[in-house]
Amino acid sequence: MLERSTGARLQVKTQTFDPKNQWNYLTTKPEFFDRLLVVLLTDTLTVRDLYDIPSEDIQKFVRVGKENKPIYRFKDLEPWRVQTSSLPGYGKFGRVVPINS
């Protein structure tokens, strides 16, 4: 997982999870960032899944979609799933909560 103050260029994607939609577009080509952070939210906007993927890894499975934009499937991200329980602010009820709560 990314440490603080590394100077890495991040691409952050946040969206609600839709089990009917397995694809997601990137707005930037992977060669223009160092890491992709994907935050999937539940329909009540709590964190469902979090992924931290090095750019060189995502370049191995990203494809070009019909709009000529890079796309990936959510199931391809599974090896880079972050255990949310390891994050600062993880609450006793299994969700991420503000650190100052």
PDB file of N, CA and C in Angstrom:
ATOM      1  N   MET A   1       0.842  -1.185   0.000  1.00  0.00           N
ATOM      2  CA  MET A   1       0.000   0.000   0.000  1.00  0.00           C
ATOM      3  C   MET A   1       0.882   1.242   0.000  1.00  0.00           C
ATOM      4  N   LEU A   2       0.384   2.283  -0.574  1.00  0.00           N
ATOM      5  CA  LEU A   2       1.123   3.528  -0.729  1.00  0.00           C
ATOM      6  C   LEU A   2       1.405   4.191   0.613  1.00  0.00           C
ATOM      7  N   GLU A   3       2.643   4.554   0.827  1.00  0.00           N
ATOM      8  CA  GLU A   3       3.045   5.267   2.040  1.00  0.00           C
ATOM      9  C   GLU A   3       2.919   6.775   1.799  1.00  0.00           C
ATOM     10  N   ARG A   4       2.836   7.529   2.868  1.00  0.00           N
ATOM     11  CA  ARG A   4       2.755   8.989   2.754  1.00  0.00           C
ATOM     12  C   ARG A   4       4.024   9.574   2.158  1.00  0.00           C
ATOM     13  N   SER A   5       3.897  10.695   1.499  1.00  0.00           N
ATOM     14  CA  SER A   5       5.016  11.502   0.999  1.00  0.00           C
ATOM     15  C   SER A   5       5.923  10.774   0.018  1.00  0.00           C
ATOM     16  N   THR A   6       5.368   9.968  -0.854  1.00  0.00           N
ATOM     17  CA  THR A   6       6.197   9.276  -1.836  1.00  0.00           C
ATOM     18  C   THR A   6       6.329  10.076  -3.117  1.00  0.00           C
ATOM     19  N   GLY A   7       5.462  11.071  -3.323  1.00  0.00           N
ATOM     20  CA  GLY A   7       5.489  11.839  -4.557  1.00  0.00           C
ATOM     21  C   GLY A   7       4.836  11.108  -5.716  1.00  0.00           C
ATOM     22  N   ALA A   8       4.143  10.017  -5.434  1.00  0.00           N
ATOM     23  CA  ALA A   8       3.491   9.234  -6.485  1.00  0.00           C
ATOM     24  C   ALA A   8       2.315  10.004  -7.087  1.00  0.00           C
ATOM     25  N   ARG A   9       2.111   9.812  -8.380  1.00  0.00           N
ATOM     26  CA  ARG A   9       0.959  10.395  -9.068  1.00  0.00           C
ATOM     27  C   ARG A   9      -0.202   9.416  -8.954  1.00  0.00           C
ATOM     28  N   LEU A  10      -1.304   9.876  -8.341  1.00  0.00           N
ATOM     29  CA  LEU A  10      -2.445   9.003  -8.089  1.00  0.00           C
ATOM     30  C   LEU A  10      -3.599   9.307  -9.031  1.00  0.00           C
ATOM     31  N   GLN A  11      -4.293   8.255  -9.441  1.00  0.00           N
ATOM     32  CA  GLN A  11      -5.575   8.374 -10.128  1.00  0.00           C
ATOM     33  C   GLN A  11      -6.576   7.746  -9.171  1.00  0.00           C
ATOM     34  N   VAL A  12      -7.562   8.498  -8.730  1.00  0.00           N
ATOM     35  CA  VAL A  12      -8.540   8.011  -7.775  1.00  0.00           C
ATOM     36  C   VAL A  12      -9.904   7.933  -8.450  1.00  0.00           C
ATOM     37  N   LYS A  13     -10.521   6.754  -8.357  1.00  0.00           N
ATOM     38  CA  LYS A  13     -11.857   6.535  -8.909  1.00  0.00           C
ATOM     39  C   LYS A  13     -12.770   6.164  -7.751  1.00  0.00           C
ATOM     40  N   THR A  14     -13.884   6.872  -7.631  1.00  0.00           N
ATOM     41  CA  THR A  14     -14.872   6.561  -6.604  1.00  0.00           C
ATOM     42  C   THR A  14     -16.226   6.436  -7.273  1.00  0.00           C
ATOM     43  N   GLN A  15     -16.929   5.353  -6.970  1.00  0.00           N
ATOM     44  CA  GLN A  15     -18.260   5.171  -7.538  1.00  0.00           C
ATOM     45  C   GLN A  15     -19.042   4.160  -6.725  1.00  0.00           C
ATOM     46  N   THR A  16     -20.345   4.169  -6.894  1.00  0.00           N
ATOM     47  CA  THR A  16     -21.159   3.160  -6.243  1.00  0.00           C
ATOM     48  C   THR A  16     -21.042   1.865  -7.029  1.00  0.00           C
ATOM     49  N   PHE A  17     -21.169   0.758  -6.335  1.00  0.00           N
ATOM     50  CA  PHE A  17     -21.037  -0.556  -6.951  1.00  0.00           C
ATOM     51  C   PHE A  17     -22.361  -0.962  -7.588  1.00  0.00           C
ATOM     52  N   ASP A  18     -22.304  -1.400  -8.831  1.00  0.00           N
ATOM     53  CA  ASP A  18     -23.470  -1.897  -9.553  1.00  0.00           C
ATOM     54  C   ASP A  18     -23.124  -3.291 -10.059  1.00  0.00           C
ATOM     55  N   PRO A  19     -23.707  -4.342  -9.469  1.00  0.00           N
ATOM     56  CA  PRO A  19     -23.354  -5.702  -9.886  1.00  0.00           C
ATOM     57  C   PRO A  19     -23.693  -6.003 -11.344  1.00  0.00           C
ATOM     58  N   LYS A  20     -24.545  -5.210 -11.968  1.00  0.00           N
ATOM     59  CA  LYS A  20     -24.906  -5.413 -13.373  1.00  0.00           C
ATOM     60  C   LYS A  20     -23.872  -4.810 -14.317  1.00  0.00           C
ATOM     61  N   ASN A  21     -23.023  -3.930 -13.801  1.00  0.00           N
ATOM     62  CA  ASN A  21     -22.022  -3.264 -14.622  1.00  0.00           C
ATOM     63  C   ASN A  21     -20.635  -3.735 -14.194  1.00  0.00           C
ATOM     64  N   GLN A  22     -19.983  -4.542 -15.013  1.00  0.00           N
ATOM     65  CA  GLN A  22     -18.676  -5.078 -14.633  1.00  0.00           C
ATOM     66  C   GLN A  22     -17.505  -4.251 -15.145  1.00  0.00           C
ATOM     67  N   TRP A  23     -17.772  -3.212 -15.939  1.00  0.00           N
ATOM     68  CA  TRP A  23     -16.712  -2.410 -16.555  1.00  0.00           C
ATOM     69  C   TRP A  23     -16.658  -1.012 -15.980  1.00  0.00           C
ATOM     70  N   ASN A  24     -15.471  -0.430 -16.002  1.00  0.00           N
ATOM     71  CA  ASN A  24     -15.304   0.946 -15.573  1.00  0.00           C
ATOM     72  C   ASN A  24     -14.273   1.627 -16.472  1.00  0.00           C
ATOM     73  N   TYR A  25     -14.525   2.884 -16.799  1.00  0.00           N
ATOM     74  CA  TYR A  25     -13.612   3.674 -17.629  1.00  0.00           C
ATOM     75  C   TYR A  25     -12.607   4.415 -16.769  1.00  0.00           C
ATOM     76  N   LEU A  26     -11.416   4.580 -17.316  1.00  0.00           N
ATOM     77  CA  LEU A  26     -10.429   5.475 -16.724  1.00  0.00           C
ATOM     78  C   LEU A  26     -10.472   6.783 -17.495  1.00  0.00           C
ATOM     79  N   THR A  27     -10.272   7.879 -16.814  1.00  0.00           N
ATOM     80  CA  THR A  27     -10.246   9.166 -17.507  1.00  0.00           C
ATOM     81  C   THR A  27      -8.842   9.535 -17.953  1.00  0.00           C
ATOM     82  N   THR A  28      -7.859   8.811 -17.443  1.00  0.00           N
ATOM     83  CA  THR A  28      -6.459   9.056 -17.763  1.00  0.00           C
ATOM     84  C   THR A  28      -5.805   7.729 -18.133  1.00  0.00           C
ATOM     85  N   LYS A  29      -4.941   7.735 -19.115  1.00  0.00           N
ATOM     86  CA  LYS A  29      -4.217   6.519 -19.480  1.00  0.00           C
ATOM     87  C   LYS A  29      -3.295   6.111 -18.339  1.00  0.00           C
ATOM     88  N   PRO A  30      -3.163   4.809 -18.082  1.00  0.00           N
ATOM     89  CA  PRO A  30      -2.346   4.344 -16.945  1.00  0.00           C
ATOM     90  C   PRO A  30      -0.899   4.816 -16.952  1.00  0.00           C
ATOM     91  N   GLU A  31      -0.338   5.094 -18.106  1.00  0.00           N
ATOM     92  CA  GLU A  31       1.058   5.549 -18.128  1.00  0.00           C
ATOM     93  C   GLU A  31       1.230   6.961 -17.566  1.00  0.00           C
ATOM     94  N   PHE A  32       0.121   7.672 -17.321  1.00  0.00           N
ATOM     95  CA  PHE A  32       0.193   9.028 -16.780  1.00  0.00           C
ATOM     96  C   PHE A  32       0.006   9.090 -15.261  1.00  0.00           C
ATOM     97  N   PHE A  33      -0.132   7.933 -14.600  1.00  0.00           N
ATOM     98  CA  PHE A  33      -0.196   7.909 -13.138  1.00  0.00           C
ATOM     99  C   PHE A  33       0.606   6.719 -12.628  1.00  0.00           C
ATOM    100  N   ASP A  34       0.969   6.772 -11.341  1.00  0.00           N
ATOM    101  CA  ASP A  34       1.769   5.708 -10.734  1.00  0.00           C
ATOM    102  C   ASP A  34       0.919   4.634 -10.062  1.00  0.00           C
ATOM    103  N   ARG A  35      -0.204   5.052  -9.496  1.00  0.00           N
ATOM    104  CA  ARG A  35      -1.092   4.117  -8.797  1.00  0.00           C
ATOM    105  C   ARG A  35      -2.536   4.504  -9.061  1.00  0.00           C
ATOM    106  N   LEU A  36      -3.376   3.478  -9.151  1.00  0.00           N
ATOM    107  CA  LEU A  36      -4.822   3.672  -9.267  1.00  0.00           C
ATOM    108  C   LEU A  36      -5.451   3.259  -7.947  1.00  0.00           C
ATOM    109  N   LEU A  37      -6.196   4.167  -7.341  1.00  0.00           N
ATOM    110  CA  LEU A  37      -6.956   3.860  -6.137  1.00  0.00           C
ATOM    111  C   LEU A  37      -8.428   3.843  -6.524  1.00  0.00           C
ATOM    112  N   VAL A  38      -9.078   2.709  -6.314  1.00  0.00           N
ATOM    113  CA  VAL A  38     -10.497   2.561  -6.643  1.00  0.00           C
ATOM    114  C   VAL A  38     -11.266   2.373  -5.347  1.00  0.00           C
ATOM    115  N   VAL A  39     -12.249   3.243  -5.121  1.00  0.00           N
ATOM    116  CA  VAL A  39     -13.104   3.168  -3.944  1.00  0.00           C
ATOM    117  C   VAL A  39     -14.508   2.848  -4.438  1.00  0.00           C
ATOM    118  N   LEU A  40     -15.002   1.662  -4.079  1.00  0.00           N
ATOM    119  CA  LEU A  40     -16.370   1.291  -4.430  1.00  0.00           C
ATOM    120  C   LEU A  40     -17.254   1.510  -3.211  1.00  0.00           C
ATOM    121  N   LEU A  41     -18.365   2.197  -3.414  1.00  0.00           N
ATOM    122  CA  LEU A  41     -19.283   2.525  -2.331  1.00  0.00           C
ATOM    123  C   LEU A  41     -20.550   1.680  -2.426  1.00  0.00           C
ATOM    124  N   THR A  42     -21.184   1.457  -1.288  1.00  0.00           N
ATOM    125  CA  THR A  42     -22.488   0.804  -1.270  1.00  0.00           C
ATOM    126  C   THR A  42     -23.539   1.825  -1.687  1.00  0.00           C
ATOM    127  N   ASP A  43     -24.777   1.381  -1.823  1.00  0.00           N
ATOM    128  CA  ASP A  43     -25.838   2.325  -2.190  1.00  0.00           C
ATOM    129  C   ASP A  43     -26.137   3.318  -1.068  1.00  0.00           C
ATOM    130  N   THR A  44     -25.625   3.064   0.151  1.00  0.00           N
ATOM    131  CA  THR A  44     -25.766   4.031   1.246  1.00  0.00           C
ATOM    132  C   THR A  44     -24.492   4.846   1.436  1.00  0.00           C
ATOM    133  N   LEU A  45     -23.583   4.750   0.450  1.00  0.00           N
ATOM    134  CA  LEU A  45     -22.344   5.533   0.389  1.00  0.00           C
ATOM    135  C   LEU A  45     -21.341   5.228   1.505  1.00  0.00           C
ATOM    136  N   THR A  46     -21.305   3.982   1.966  1.00  0.00           N
ATOM    137  CA  THR A  46     -20.221   3.533   2.831  1.00  0.00           C
ATOM    138  C   THR A  46     -19.252   2.739   1.958  1.00  0.00           C
ATOM    139  N   VAL A  47     -18.022   2.584   2.424  1.00  0.00           N
ATOM    140  CA  VAL A  47     -17.006   1.899   1.627  1.00  0.00           C
ATOM    141  C   VAL A  47     -17.339   0.414   1.532  1.00  0.00           C
ATOM    142  N   ARG A  48     -17.465  -0.058   0.309  1.00  0.00           N
ATOM    143  CA  ARG A  48     -17.697  -1.482   0.034  1.00  0.00           C
ATOM    144  C   ARG A  48     -16.371  -2.185  -0.204  1.00  0.00           C
ATOM    145  N   ASP A  49     -15.543  -1.612  -1.088  1.00  0.00           N
ATOM    146  CA  ASP A  49     -14.251  -2.178  -1.438  1.00  0.00           C
ATOM    147  C   ASP A  49     -13.268  -1.060  -1.736  1.00  0.00           C
ATOM    148  N   LEU A  50     -11.998  -1.354  -1.518  1.00  0.00           N
ATOM    149  CA  LEU A  50     -10.926  -0.412  -1.807  1.00  0.00           C
ATOM    150  C   LEU A  50      -9.798  -1.190  -2.476  1.00  0.00           C
ATOM    151  N   TYR A  51      -9.266  -0.624  -3.571  1.00  0.00           N
ATOM    152  CA  TYR A  51      -8.199  -1.268  -4.317  1.00  0.00           C
ATOM    153  C   TYR A  51      -7.067  -0.274  -4.527  1.00  0.00           C
ATOM    154  N   ASP A  52      -5.829  -0.762  -4.471  1.00  0.00           N
ATOM    155  CA  ASP A  52      -4.629   0.048  -4.660  1.00  0.00           C
ATOM    156  C   ASP A  52      -3.755  -0.697  -5.661  1.00  0.00           C
ATOM    157  N   ILE A  53      -3.733  -0.226  -6.914  1.00  0.00           N
ATOM    158  CA  ILE A  53      -3.085  -0.953  -7.999  1.00  0.00           C
ATOM    159  C   ILE A  53      -1.958  -0.130  -8.609  1.00  0.00           C
ATOM    160  N   PRO A  54      -0.756  -0.685  -8.673  1.00  0.00           N
ATOM    161  CA  PRO A  54       0.330   0.006  -9.381  1.00  0.00           C
ATOM    162  C   PRO A  54       0.003   0.119 -10.872  1.00  0.00           C
ATOM    163  N   SER A  55       0.373   1.219 -11.465  1.00  0.00           N
ATOM    164  CA  SER A  55       0.092   1.463 -12.878  1.00  0.00           C
ATOM    165  C   SER A  55       0.616   0.355 -13.776  1.00  0.00           C
ATOM    166  N   GLU A  56       1.824  -0.130 -13.498  1.00  0.00           N
ATOM    167  CA  GLU A  56       2.383  -1.167 -14.371  1.00  0.00           C
ATOM    168  C   GLU A  56       1.545  -2.443 -14.339  1.00  0.00           C
ATOM    169  N   ASP A  57       0.850  -2.700 -13.233  1.00  0.00           N
ATOM    170  CA  ASP A  57      -0.033  -3.872 -13.167  1.00  0.00           C
ATOM    171  C   ASP A  57      -1.331  -3.650 -13.927  1.00  0.00           C
ATOM    172  N   ILE A  58      -1.921  -2.458 -13.774  1.00  0.00           N
ATOM    173  CA  ILE A  58      -3.186  -2.211 -14.481  1.00  0.00           C
ATOM    174  C   ILE A  58      -2.982  -2.170 -15.992  1.00  0.00           C
ATOM    175  N   GLN A  59      -1.802  -1.785 -16.431  1.00  0.00           N
ATOM    176  CA  GLN A  59      -1.533  -1.761 -17.872  1.00  0.00           C
ATOM    177  C   GLN A  59      -1.575  -3.159 -18.485  1.00  0.00           C
ATOM    178  N   LYS A  60      -1.427  -4.199 -17.665  1.00  0.00           N
ATOM    179  CA  LYS A  60      -1.461  -5.572 -18.163  1.00  0.00           C
ATOM    180  C   LYS A  60      -2.860  -6.032 -18.536  1.00  0.00           C
ATOM    181  N   PHE A  61      -3.904  -5.438 -17.937  1.00  0.00           N
ATOM    182  CA  PHE A  61      -5.261  -5.910 -18.238  1.00  0.00           C
ATOM    183  C   PHE A  61      -6.227  -4.832 -18.720  1.00  0.00           C
ATOM    184  N   VAL A  62      -5.811  -3.586 -18.763  1.00  0.00           N
ATOM    185  CA  VAL A  62      -6.699  -2.532 -19.252  1.00  0.00           C
ATOM    186  C   VAL A  62      -6.921  -2.714 -20.759  1.00  0.00           C
ATOM    187  N   ARG A  63      -8.110  -2.406 -21.209  1.00  0.00           N
ATOM    188  CA  ARG A  63      -8.467  -2.514 -22.630  1.00  0.00           C
ATOM    189  C   ARG A  63      -8.935  -1.154 -23.118  1.00  0.00           C
ATOM    190  N   VAL A  64      -9.127  -1.041 -24.403  1.00  0.00           N
ATOM    191  CA  VAL A  64      -9.680   0.186 -24.975  1.00  0.00           C
ATOM    192  C   VAL A  64     -11.165  -0.055 -25.233  1.00  0.00           C
ATOM    193  N   GLY A  65     -12.005   0.816 -24.666  1.00  0.00           N
ATOM    194  CA  GLY A  65     -13.447   0.680 -24.813  1.00  0.00           C
ATOM    195  C   GLY A  65     -13.965   1.321 -26.085  1.00  0.00           C
ATOM    196  N   LYS A  66     -15.301   1.234 -26.262  1.00  0.00           N
ATOM    197  CA  LYS A  66     -15.909   1.767 -27.489  1.00  0.00           C
ATOM    198  C   LYS A  66     -15.745   3.270 -27.640  1.00  0.00           C
ATOM    199  N   GLU A  67     -15.582   3.978 -26.562  1.00  0.00           N
ATOM    200  CA  GLU A  67     -15.384   5.428 -26.640  1.00  0.00           C
ATOM    201  C   GLU A  67     -13.901   5.780 -26.742  1.00  0.00           C
ATOM    202  N   ASN A  68     -13.074   4.789 -27.067  1.00  0.00           N
ATOM    203  CA  ASN A  68     -11.628   4.954 -27.209  1.00  0.00           C
ATOM    204  C   ASN A  68     -10.968   5.403 -25.896  1.00  0.00           C
ATOM    205  N   LYS A  69     -11.556   4.972 -24.773  1.00  0.00           N
ATOM    206  CA  LYS A  69     -11.007   5.254 -23.449  1.00  0.00           C
ATOM    207  C   LYS A  69     -10.563   3.935 -22.825  1.00  0.00           C
ATOM    208  N   PRO A  70      -9.557   3.988 -21.943  1.00  0.00           N
ATOM    209  CA  PRO A  70      -9.148   2.757 -21.266  1.00  0.00           C
ATOM    210  C   PRO A  70     -10.252   2.261 -20.325  1.00  0.00           C
ATOM    211  N   ILE A  71     -10.495   0.951 -20.322  1.00  0.00           N
ATOM    212  CA  ILE A  71     -11.493   0.353 -19.430  1.00  0.00           C
ATOM    213  C   ILE A  71     -10.899  -0.873 -18.742  1.00  0.00           C
ATOM    214  N   TYR A  72     -11.503  -1.243 -17.616  1.00  0.00           N
ATOM    215  CA  TYR A  72     -11.107  -2.441 -16.890  1.00  0.00           C
ATOM    216  C   TYR A  72     -12.346  -3.059 -16.269  1.00  0.00           C
ATOM    217  N   ARG A  73     -12.240  -4.340 -15.925  1.00  0.00           N
ATOM    218  CA  ARG A  73     -13.323  -5.030 -15.229  1.00  0.00           C
ATOM    219  C   ARG A  73     -13.025  -5.033 -13.738  1.00  0.00           C
ATOM    220  N   PHE A  74     -14.075  -4.894 -12.929  1.00  0.00           N
ATOM    221  CA  PHE A  74     -13.884  -4.893 -11.482  1.00  0.00           C
ATOM    222  C   PHE A  74     -13.249  -6.186 -10.995  1.00  0.00           C
ATOM    223  N   LYS A  75     -13.614  -7.319 -11.600  1.00  0.00           N
ATOM    224  CA  LYS A  75     -13.056  -8.592 -11.117  1.00  0.00           C
ATOM    225  C   LYS A  75     -11.551  -8.687 -11.338  1.00  0.00           C
ATOM    226  N   ASP A  76     -11.014  -7.902 -12.287  1.00  0.00           N
ATOM    227  CA  ASP A  76      -9.563  -7.897 -12.503  1.00  0.00           C
ATOM    228  C   ASP A  76      -8.808  -7.212 -11.372  1.00  0.00           C
ATOM    229  N   LEU A  77      -9.501  -6.440 -10.544  1.00  0.00           N
ATOM    230  CA  LEU A  77      -8.858  -5.693  -9.462  1.00  0.00           C
ATOM    231  C   LEU A  77      -8.660  -6.519  -8.190  1.00  0.00           C
ATOM    232  N   GLU A  78      -9.296  -7.659  -8.126  1.00  0.00           N
ATOM    233  CA  GLU A  78      -9.329  -8.453  -6.891  1.00  0.00           C
ATOM    234  C   GLU A  78      -7.966  -8.678  -6.227  1.00  0.00           C
ATOM    235  N   PRO A  79      -6.886  -8.972  -6.970  1.00  0.00           N
ATOM    236  CA  PRO A  79      -5.593  -9.185  -6.299  1.00  0.00           C
ATOM    237  C   PRO A  79      -5.076  -7.967  -5.530  1.00  0.00           C
ATOM    238  N   TRP A  80      -5.609  -6.797  -5.798  1.00  0.00           N
ATOM    239  CA  TRP A  80      -5.131  -5.568  -5.152  1.00  0.00           C
ATOM    240  C   TRP A  80      -6.130  -5.013  -4.136  1.00  0.00           C
ATOM    241  N   ARG A  81      -7.060  -5.829  -3.695  1.00  0.00           N
ATOM    242  CA  ARG A  81      -8.044  -5.388  -2.690  1.00  0.00           C
ATOM    243  C   ARG A  81      -7.317  -5.084  -1.382  1.00  0.00           C
ATOM    244  N   VAL A  82      -7.628  -3.945  -0.805  1.00  0.00           N
ATOM    245  CA  VAL A  82      -7.058  -3.539   0.481  1.00  0.00           C
ATOM    246  C   VAL A  82      -8.020  -3.985   1.574  1.00  0.00           C
ATOM    247  N   GLN A  83      -7.470  -4.598   2.606  1.00  0.00           N
ATOM    248  CA  GLN A  83      -8.300  -4.962   3.754  1.00  0.00           C
ATOM    249  C   GLN A  83      -8.638  -3.673   4.488  1.00  0.00           C
ATOM    250  N   THR A  84      -9.902  -3.254   4.430  1.00  0.00           N
ATOM    251  CA  THR A  84     -10.277  -1.976   5.042  1.00  0.00           C
ATOM    252  C   THR A  84     -10.064  -1.990   6.550  1.00  0.00           C
ATOM    253  N   SER A  85     -10.044  -3.166   7.165  1.00  0.00           N
ATOM    254  CA  SER A  85      -9.813  -3.225   8.614  1.00  0.00           C
ATOM    255  C   SER A  85      -8.405  -2.771   8.982  1.00  0.00           C
ATOM    256  N   SER A  86      -7.489  -2.705   8.001  1.00  0.00           N
ATOM    257  CA  SER A  86      -6.124  -2.254   8.273  1.00  0.00           C
ATOM    258  C   SER A  86      -5.977  -0.742   8.164  1.00  0.00           C
ATOM    259  N   LEU A  87      -7.028  -0.051   7.764  1.00  0.00           N
ATOM    260  CA  LEU A  87      -6.950   1.395   7.561  1.00  0.00           C
ATOM    261  C   LEU A  87      -7.200   2.173   8.848  1.00  0.00           C
ATOM    262  N   PRO A  88      -6.547   3.338   9.004  1.00  0.00           N
ATOM    263  CA  PRO A  88      -6.853   4.186  10.163  1.00  0.00           C
ATOM    264  C   PRO A  88      -8.322   4.591  10.112  1.00  0.00           C
ATOM    265  N   GLY A  89      -8.978   4.581  11.239  1.00  0.00           N
ATOM    266  CA  GLY A  89     -10.372   4.998  11.294  1.00  0.00           C
ATOM    267  C   GLY A  89     -11.356   3.874  11.077  1.00  0.00           C
ATOM    268  N   TYR A  90     -10.868   2.640  10.919  1.00  0.00           N
ATOM    269  CA  TYR A  90     -11.783   1.521  10.734  1.00  0.00           C
ATOM    270  C   TYR A  90     -12.605   1.343  12.000  1.00  0.00           C
ATOM    271  N   GLY A  91     -13.922   1.325  11.866  1.00  0.00           N
ATOM    272  CA  GLY A  91     -14.814   1.269  13.025  1.00  0.00           C
ATOM    273  C   GLY A  91     -15.104  -0.145  13.473  1.00  0.00           C
ATOM    274  N   LYS A  92     -15.545  -0.290  14.689  1.00  0.00           N
ATOM    275  CA  LYS A  92     -15.818  -1.611  15.251  1.00  0.00           C
ATOM    276  C   LYS A  92     -17.013  -2.289  14.576  1.00  0.00           C
ATOM    277  N   PHE A  93     -17.769  -1.559  13.770  1.00  0.00           N
ATOM    278  CA  PHE A  93     -18.904  -2.141  13.077  1.00  0.00           C
ATOM    279  C   PHE A  93     -18.586  -2.521  11.647  1.00  0.00           C
ATOM    280  N   GLY A  94     -17.281  -2.547  11.302  1.00  0.00           N
ATOM    281  CA  GLY A  94     -16.862  -3.009   9.995  1.00  0.00           C
ATOM    282  C   GLY A  94     -17.013  -1.996   8.886  1.00  0.00           C
ATOM    283  N   ARG A  95     -16.867  -0.747   9.193  1.00  0.00           N
ATOM    284  CA  ARG A  95     -16.939   0.283   8.159  1.00  0.00           C
ATOM    285  C   ARG A  95     -15.868   1.338   8.444  1.00  0.00           C
ATOM    286  N   VAL A  96     -15.539   2.083   7.427  1.00  0.00           N
ATOM    287  CA  VAL A  96     -14.566   3.149   7.622  1.00  0.00           C
ATOM    288  C   VAL A  96     -15.297   4.360   8.191  1.00  0.00           C
ATOM    289  N   VAL A  97     -14.771   4.899   9.272  1.00  0.00           N
ATOM    290  CA  VAL A  97     -15.386   6.056   9.929  1.00  0.00           C
ATOM    291  C   VAL A  97     -14.340   7.155  10.042  1.00  0.00           C
ATOM    292  N   PRO A  98     -14.763   8.405  10.184  1.00  0.00           N
ATOM    293  CA  PRO A  98     -13.779   9.488  10.345  1.00  0.00           C
ATOM    294  C   PRO A  98     -12.866   9.248  11.537  1.00  0.00           C
ATOM    295  N   ILE A  99     -11.589   9.571  11.384  1.00  0.00           N
ATOM    296  CA  ILE A  99     -10.604   9.341  12.436  1.00  0.00           C
ATOM    297  C   ILE A  99     -10.937  10.141  13.693  1.00  0.00           C
ATOM    298  N   ASN A 100     -11.494  11.342  13.543  1.00  0.00           N
ATOM    299  CA  ASN A 100     -11.783  12.204  14.690  1.00  0.00           C
ATOM    300  C   ASN A 100     -13.182  12.000  15.253  1.00  0.00           C
ATOM    301  N   SER A 101     -13.814  10.876  14.983  1.00  0.00           N
ATOM    302  CA  SER A 101     -15.188  10.685  15.474  1.00  0.00           C
ATOM    303  C   SER A 101     -15.217  10.231  16.905  1.00  0.00           C
TER     304      SER A 101
END
